[in-house]
């Protein structure tokens, strides 16, 4: 079980139709979340689940370097070319390509990565959410104290020190130490 990545959209109904026309599926909605906004849960062509959010009273949250906030999200997929084509068409966002990862851009800044993973170790393609923290090692210890689990111990990455955790209900997420 994974925490769900949501993408802000201007029109959830229109974007849900784009998901379908580009080969994805819409499992839930679009539906109204009272006055907060409109949302849908969808899957891309490889089956990776994500959400769409059309904010009204609750516009959502910008990705940014604030502890507890979203720091990064990335898609792990065996088909990066298909994923890039799908998300470019559905979200109408440019993509910057690099050797090991492509990134969706908003206002010229990378907000989500698309990484090739030929071997997914029995897991389907998926979006992985990273939350910003001040100290990945301390956060991992604290998560265990709160009933969570450490799935991948804190380690250094190109983006910073990270750890993969599970909440007490079994939902997987990552933390990324702020630099």
C-alpha atoms as a PDB file:
ATOM      1  CA  UNK A   1       0.000   0.000   0.000  1.00  0.00           C
ATOM      2  CA  UNK A   2       1.357   3.421  -0.999  1.00  0.00           C
ATOM      3  CA  UNK A   3       0.482   6.974  -0.068  1.00  0.00           C
ATOM      4  CA  UNK A   4      -1.235   8.537  -3.100  1.00  0.00           C
ATOM      5  CA  UNK A   5       0.374  11.259  -5.188  1.00  0.00           C
ATOM      6  CA  UNK A   6      -2.116  13.923  -6.295  1.00  0.00           C
ATOM      7  CA  UNK A   7      -1.612  16.305  -9.208  1.00  0.00           C
ATOM      8  CA  UNK A   8      -3.285  19.716  -9.222  1.00  0.00           C
ATOM      9  CA  UNK A   9      -5.448  20.269 -12.297  1.00  0.00           C
ATOM     10  CA  UNK A  10      -7.672  23.098 -13.479  1.00  0.00           C
ATOM     11  CA  UNK A  11     -10.546  20.810 -14.497  1.00  0.00           C
ATOM     12  CA  UNK A  12     -10.800  17.327 -12.947  1.00  0.00           C
ATOM     13  CA  UNK A  13     -13.542  16.203 -15.356  1.00  0.00           C
ATOM     14  CA  UNK A  14     -11.574  17.214 -18.444  1.00  0.00           C
ATOM     15  CA  UNK A  15      -8.343  15.679 -17.091  1.00  0.00           C
ATOM     16  CA  UNK A  16     -10.137  12.428 -16.193  1.00  0.00           C
ATOM     17  CA  UNK A  17     -11.338  12.242 -19.792  1.00  0.00           C
ATOM     18  CA  UNK A  18      -7.746  12.772 -20.977  1.00  0.00           C
ATOM     19  CA  UNK A  19      -6.638   9.901 -18.700  1.00  0.00           C
ATOM     20  CA  UNK A  20      -9.143   7.612 -20.433  1.00  0.00           C
ATOM     21  CA  UNK A  21      -8.330   8.802 -23.957  1.00  0.00           C
ATOM     22  CA  UNK A  22      -4.583   8.281 -23.321  1.00  0.00           C
ATOM     23  CA  UNK A  23      -5.096   4.647 -22.227  1.00  0.00           C
ATOM     24  CA  UNK A  24      -5.359   5.062 -18.448  1.00  0.00           C
ATOM     25  CA  UNK A  25      -8.298   4.260 -16.218  1.00  0.00           C
ATOM     26  CA  UNK A  26     -10.336   6.325 -13.775  1.00  0.00           C
ATOM     27  CA  UNK A  27     -11.324   4.227 -10.761  1.00  0.00           C
ATOM     28  CA  UNK A  28     -13.048   6.894  -8.653  1.00  0.00           C
ATOM     29  CA  UNK A  29     -14.800  10.086  -9.751  1.00  0.00           C
ATOM     30  CA  UNK A  30     -14.413  12.752 -10.576  1.00  0.00           C
ATOM     31  CA  UNK A  31     -16.454  13.582  -7.527  1.00  0.00           C
ATOM     32  CA  UNK A  32     -17.073  16.623  -5.397  1.00  0.00           C
ATOM     33  CA  UNK A  33     -15.279  16.727  -2.030  1.00  0.00           C
ATOM     34  CA  UNK A  34     -17.814  19.117  -0.549  1.00  0.00           C
ATOM     35  CA  UNK A  35     -16.564  22.703  -0.986  1.00  0.00           C
ATOM     36  CA  UNK A  36     -12.885  21.722  -0.774  1.00  0.00           C
ATOM     37  CA  UNK A  37     -12.614  20.706  -4.408  1.00  0.00           C
ATOM     38  CA  UNK A  38     -13.100  18.029  -7.003  1.00  0.00           C
ATOM     39  CA  UNK A  39     -11.034  14.852  -7.160  1.00  0.00           C
ATOM     40  CA  UNK A  40     -10.489  11.589  -8.994  1.00  0.00           C
ATOM     41  CA  UNK A  41      -8.331   8.505  -8.509  1.00  0.00           C
ATOM     42  CA  UNK A  42      -6.826   7.134 -11.703  1.00  0.00           C
ATOM     43  CA  UNK A  43      -4.140   4.790 -13.010  1.00  0.00           C
ATOM     44  CA  UNK A  44      -1.757   5.328 -15.896  1.00  0.00           C
ATOM     45  CA  UNK A  45      -1.195   2.900 -18.781  1.00  0.00           C
ATOM     46  CA  UNK A  46       1.104   0.722 -16.640  1.00  0.00           C
ATOM     47  CA  UNK A  47      -1.270   0.668 -13.654  1.00  0.00           C
ATOM     48  CA  UNK A  48       0.452   3.228 -11.392  1.00  0.00           C
ATOM     49  CA  UNK A  49      -2.235   4.886  -9.230  1.00  0.00           C
ATOM     50  CA  UNK A  50      -2.404   8.669  -8.761  1.00  0.00           C
ATOM     51  CA  UNK A  51      -4.965  11.302  -7.867  1.00  0.00           C
ATOM     52  CA  UNK A  52      -6.251  14.442  -9.550  1.00  0.00           C
ATOM     53  CA  UNK A  53      -7.185  17.474  -7.451  1.00  0.00           C
ATOM     54  CA  UNK A  54      -9.116  20.510  -8.647  1.00  0.00           C
ATOM     55  CA  UNK A  55      -8.931  22.819  -5.665  1.00  0.00           C
ATOM     56  CA  UNK A  56     -11.785  25.108  -4.755  1.00  0.00           C
ATOM     57  CA  UNK A  57     -11.759  26.173  -1.077  1.00  0.00           C
ATOM     58  CA  UNK A  58      -8.773  23.864  -0.449  1.00  0.00           C
ATOM     59  CA  UNK A  59      -6.324  24.549  -3.248  1.00  0.00           C
ATOM     60  CA  UNK A  60      -3.790  21.973  -2.117  1.00  0.00           C
ATOM     61  CA  UNK A  61      -0.217  22.454  -1.115  1.00  0.00           C
ATOM     62  CA  UNK A  62       2.814  23.460  -3.122  1.00  0.00           C
ATOM     63  CA  UNK A  63       5.790  21.139  -3.047  1.00  0.00           C
ATOM     64  CA  UNK A  64       8.498  22.831  -1.098  1.00  0.00           C
ATOM     65  CA  UNK A  65      11.290  22.532   1.395  1.00  0.00           C
ATOM     66  CA  UNK A  66       9.184  22.711   4.562  1.00  0.00           C
ATOM     67  CA  UNK A  67       9.381  19.911   7.154  1.00  0.00           C
ATOM     68  CA  UNK A  68       6.325  17.698   6.926  1.00  0.00           C
ATOM     69  CA  UNK A  69       5.432  18.939   3.453  1.00  0.00           C
ATOM     70  CA  UNK A  70       5.850  17.127   0.171  1.00  0.00           C
ATOM     71  CA  UNK A  71       9.455  17.242  -1.009  1.00  0.00           C
ATOM     72  CA  UNK A  72       9.405  14.976  -4.045  1.00  0.00           C
ATOM     73  CA  UNK A  73       7.380  12.277  -5.740  1.00  0.00           C
ATOM     74  CA  UNK A  74       8.577   9.779  -8.292  1.00  0.00           C
ATOM     75  CA  UNK A  75       7.124   7.141 -10.540  1.00  0.00           C
ATOM     76  CA  UNK A  76       8.905   3.788 -10.681  1.00  0.00           C
ATOM     77  CA  UNK A  77       8.029   2.091 -13.964  1.00  0.00           C
ATOM     78  CA  UNK A  78       9.481  -0.319 -16.526  1.00  0.00           C
ATOM     79  CA  UNK A  79       8.120   1.936 -19.321  1.00  0.00           C
ATOM     80  CA  UNK A  80       9.521   5.446 -18.925  1.00  0.00           C
ATOM     81  CA  UNK A  81       8.810   6.411 -22.541  1.00  0.00           C
ATOM     82  CA  UNK A  82       5.144   5.437 -22.190  1.00  0.00           C
ATOM     83  CA  UNK A  83       4.892   7.205 -18.819  1.00  0.00           C
ATOM     84  CA  UNK A  84       6.478  10.398 -20.153  1.00  0.00           C
ATOM     85  CA  UNK A  85       4.076  10.441 -23.117  1.00  0.00           C
ATOM     86  CA  UNK A  86       1.071   9.741 -20.867  1.00  0.00           C
ATOM     87  CA  UNK A  87       1.782  12.351 -18.175  1.00  0.00           C
ATOM     88  CA  UNK A  88       2.869  14.986 -20.683  1.00  0.00           C
ATOM     89  CA  UNK A  89      -0.464  14.599 -22.508  1.00  0.00           C
ATOM     90  CA  UNK A  90      -2.675  14.255 -19.429  1.00  0.00           C
ATOM     91  CA  UNK A  91      -1.106  16.962 -17.238  1.00  0.00           C
ATOM     92  CA  UNK A  92      -0.004  19.286 -20.067  1.00  0.00           C
ATOM     93  CA  UNK A  93       3.397  19.763 -18.430  1.00  0.00           C
ATOM     94  CA  UNK A  94       6.826  19.727 -20.027  1.00  0.00           C
ATOM     95  CA  UNK A  95       9.338  17.016 -19.135  1.00  0.00           C
ATOM     96  CA  UNK A  96      13.077  17.410 -18.705  1.00  0.00           C
ATOM     97  CA  UNK A  97      15.062  14.304 -19.630  1.00  0.00           C
ATOM     98  CA  UNK A  98      18.226  13.138 -17.897  1.00  0.00           C
ATOM     99  CA  UNK A  99      20.235   9.932 -18.109  1.00  0.00           C
ATOM    100  CA  UNK A 100      18.639   8.152 -15.149  1.00  0.00           C
ATOM    101  CA  UNK A 101      15.413  10.102 -14.612  1.00  0.00           C
ATOM    102  CA  UNK A 102      12.909  12.327 -16.378  1.00  0.00           C
ATOM    103  CA  UNK A 103      11.133  15.074 -14.439  1.00  0.00           C
ATOM    104  CA  UNK A 104       7.761  16.783 -14.839  1.00  0.00           C
ATOM    105  CA  UNK A 105       8.190  20.540 -14.630  1.00  0.00           C
ATOM    106  CA  UNK A 106       5.943  23.248 -13.187  1.00  0.00           C
ATOM    107  CA  UNK A 107       7.118  26.825 -13.817  1.00  0.00           C
ATOM    108  CA  UNK A 108      10.426  25.348 -14.999  1.00  0.00           C
ATOM    109  CA  UNK A 109      11.048  23.485 -11.717  1.00  0.00           C
ATOM    110  CA  UNK A 110      11.075  19.677 -11.381  1.00  0.00           C
ATOM    111  CA  UNK A 111       8.190  18.495  -9.195  1.00  0.00           C
ATOM    112  CA  UNK A 112       7.975  14.774  -9.970  1.00  0.00           C
ATOM    113  CA  UNK A 113      10.391  12.210 -11.335  1.00  0.00           C
ATOM    114  CA  UNK A 114       9.853   9.300 -13.688  1.00  0.00           C
ATOM    115  CA  UNK A 115      12.461   6.571 -13.164  1.00  0.00           C
ATOM    116  CA  UNK A 116      13.029   3.376 -15.083  1.00  0.00           C
ATOM    117  CA  UNK A 117      12.802   0.250 -12.993  1.00  0.00           C
ATOM    118  CA  UNK A 118      12.978  -2.927 -15.040  1.00  0.00           C
ATOM    119  CA  UNK A 119      12.750  -5.048 -11.886  1.00  0.00           C
ATOM    120  CA  UNK A 120      10.036  -3.927  -9.468  1.00  0.00           C
ATOM    121  CA  UNK A 121      10.497  -6.927  -7.097  1.00  0.00           C
ATOM    122  CA  UNK A 122       6.945  -8.164  -7.370  1.00  0.00           C
ATOM    123  CA  UNK A 123       5.411  -4.699  -6.994  1.00  0.00           C
ATOM    124  CA  UNK A 124       3.413  -2.969  -9.719  1.00  0.00           C
ATOM    125  CA  UNK A 125       4.577   0.372 -11.151  1.00  0.00           C
ATOM    126  CA  UNK A 126       3.894   3.025  -8.516  1.00  0.00           C
ATOM    127  CA  UNK A 127       4.251   6.598  -7.426  1.00  0.00           C
ATOM    128  CA  UNK A 128       6.476   7.080  -4.364  1.00  0.00           C
ATOM    129  CA  UNK A 129       5.844  10.097  -2.090  1.00  0.00           C
ATOM    130  CA  UNK A 130       8.729  11.776  -0.206  1.00  0.00           C
ATOM    131  CA  UNK A 131       8.059  14.133   2.721  1.00  0.00           C
ATOM    132  CA  UNK A 132      10.599  16.757   3.780  1.00  0.00           C
ATOM    133  CA  UNK A 133      12.273  16.254   7.175  1.00  0.00           C
ATOM    134  CA  UNK A 134      15.126  17.932   9.027  1.00  0.00           C
ATOM    135  CA  UNK A 135      16.838  14.652   9.982  1.00  0.00           C
ATOM    136  CA  UNK A 136      16.114  11.366   8.181  1.00  0.00           C
ATOM    137  CA  UNK A 137      17.823   9.237  10.851  1.00  0.00           C
ATOM    138  CA  UNK A 138      15.872  10.820  13.727  1.00  0.00           C
ATOM    139  CA  UNK A 139      12.627  10.626  11.729  1.00  0.00           C
ATOM    140  CA  UNK A 140      13.120   6.899  11.073  1.00  0.00           C
ATOM    141  CA  UNK A 141      13.696   6.259  14.788  1.00  0.00           C
ATOM    142  CA  UNK A 142      10.670   8.376  15.706  1.00  0.00           C
ATOM    143  CA  UNK A 143       8.474   6.527  13.180  1.00  0.00           C
ATOM    144  CA  UNK A 144       9.346   3.196  14.822  1.00  0.00           C
ATOM    145  CA  UNK A 145       8.483   4.671  18.227  1.00  0.00           C
ATOM    146  CA  UNK A 146       5.063   5.633  16.843  1.00  0.00           C
ATOM    147  CA  UNK A 147       4.337   2.116  15.548  1.00  0.00           C
ATOM    148  CA  UNK A 148       5.712   2.461  12.024  1.00  0.00           C
ATOM    149  CA  UNK A 149       8.471   0.444  10.370  1.00  0.00           C
ATOM    150  CA  UNK A 150      11.704   1.244   8.577  1.00  0.00           C
ATOM    151  CA  UNK A 151      11.582  -0.454   5.160  1.00  0.00           C
ATOM    152  CA  UNK A 152      14.860   1.011   3.861  1.00  0.00           C
ATOM    153  CA  UNK A 153      17.195   2.532   6.465  1.00  0.00           C
ATOM    154  CA  UNK A 154      18.412   6.113   6.063  1.00  0.00           C
ATOM    155  CA  UNK A 155      20.932   6.406   3.242  1.00  0.00           C
ATOM    156  CA  UNK A 156      22.493   9.071   1.048  1.00  0.00           C
ATOM    157  CA  UNK A 157      20.963   9.744  -2.388  1.00  0.00           C
ATOM    158  CA  UNK A 158      21.482  12.329  -5.107  1.00  0.00           C
ATOM    159  CA  UNK A 159      18.553  14.317  -3.634  1.00  0.00           C
ATOM    160  CA  UNK A 160      19.735  14.051  -0.026  1.00  0.00           C
ATOM    161  CA  UNK A 161      19.532  11.614   2.873  1.00  0.00           C
ATOM    162  CA  UNK A 162      16.399   9.498   2.587  1.00  0.00           C
ATOM    163  CA  UNK A 163      14.589   6.615   4.261  1.00  0.00           C
ATOM    164  CA  UNK A 164      11.649   4.452   3.213  1.00  0.00           C
ATOM    165  CA  UNK A 165       9.063   3.998   5.960  1.00  0.00           C
ATOM    166  CA  UNK A 166       5.708   2.400   6.624  1.00  0.00           C
ATOM    167  CA  UNK A 167       3.016   3.997   8.764  1.00  0.00           C
ATOM    168  CA  UNK A 168       1.218   1.891  11.425  1.00  0.00           C
ATOM    169  CA  UNK A 169      -1.519   1.009   8.896  1.00  0.00           C
ATOM    170  CA  UNK A 170       1.058  -0.288   6.367  1.00  0.00           C
ATOM    171  CA  UNK A 171       1.136   2.715   4.009  1.00  0.00           C
ATOM    172  CA  UNK A 172       4.574   3.169   2.437  1.00  0.00           C
ATOM    173  CA  UNK A 173       6.209   6.569   2.031  1.00  0.00           C
ATOM    174  CA  UNK A 174       9.674   8.087   2.022  1.00  0.00           C
ATOM    175  CA  UNK A 175      11.296  10.944   3.885  1.00  0.00           C
ATOM    176  CA  UNK A 176      13.924  13.226   2.406  1.00  0.00           C
ATOM    177  CA  UNK A 177      16.232  15.297   4.573  1.00  0.00           C
ATOM    178  CA  UNK A 178      16.302  18.991   3.777  1.00  0.00           C
ATOM    179  CA  UNK A 179      19.659  20.375   2.696  1.00  0.00           C
END
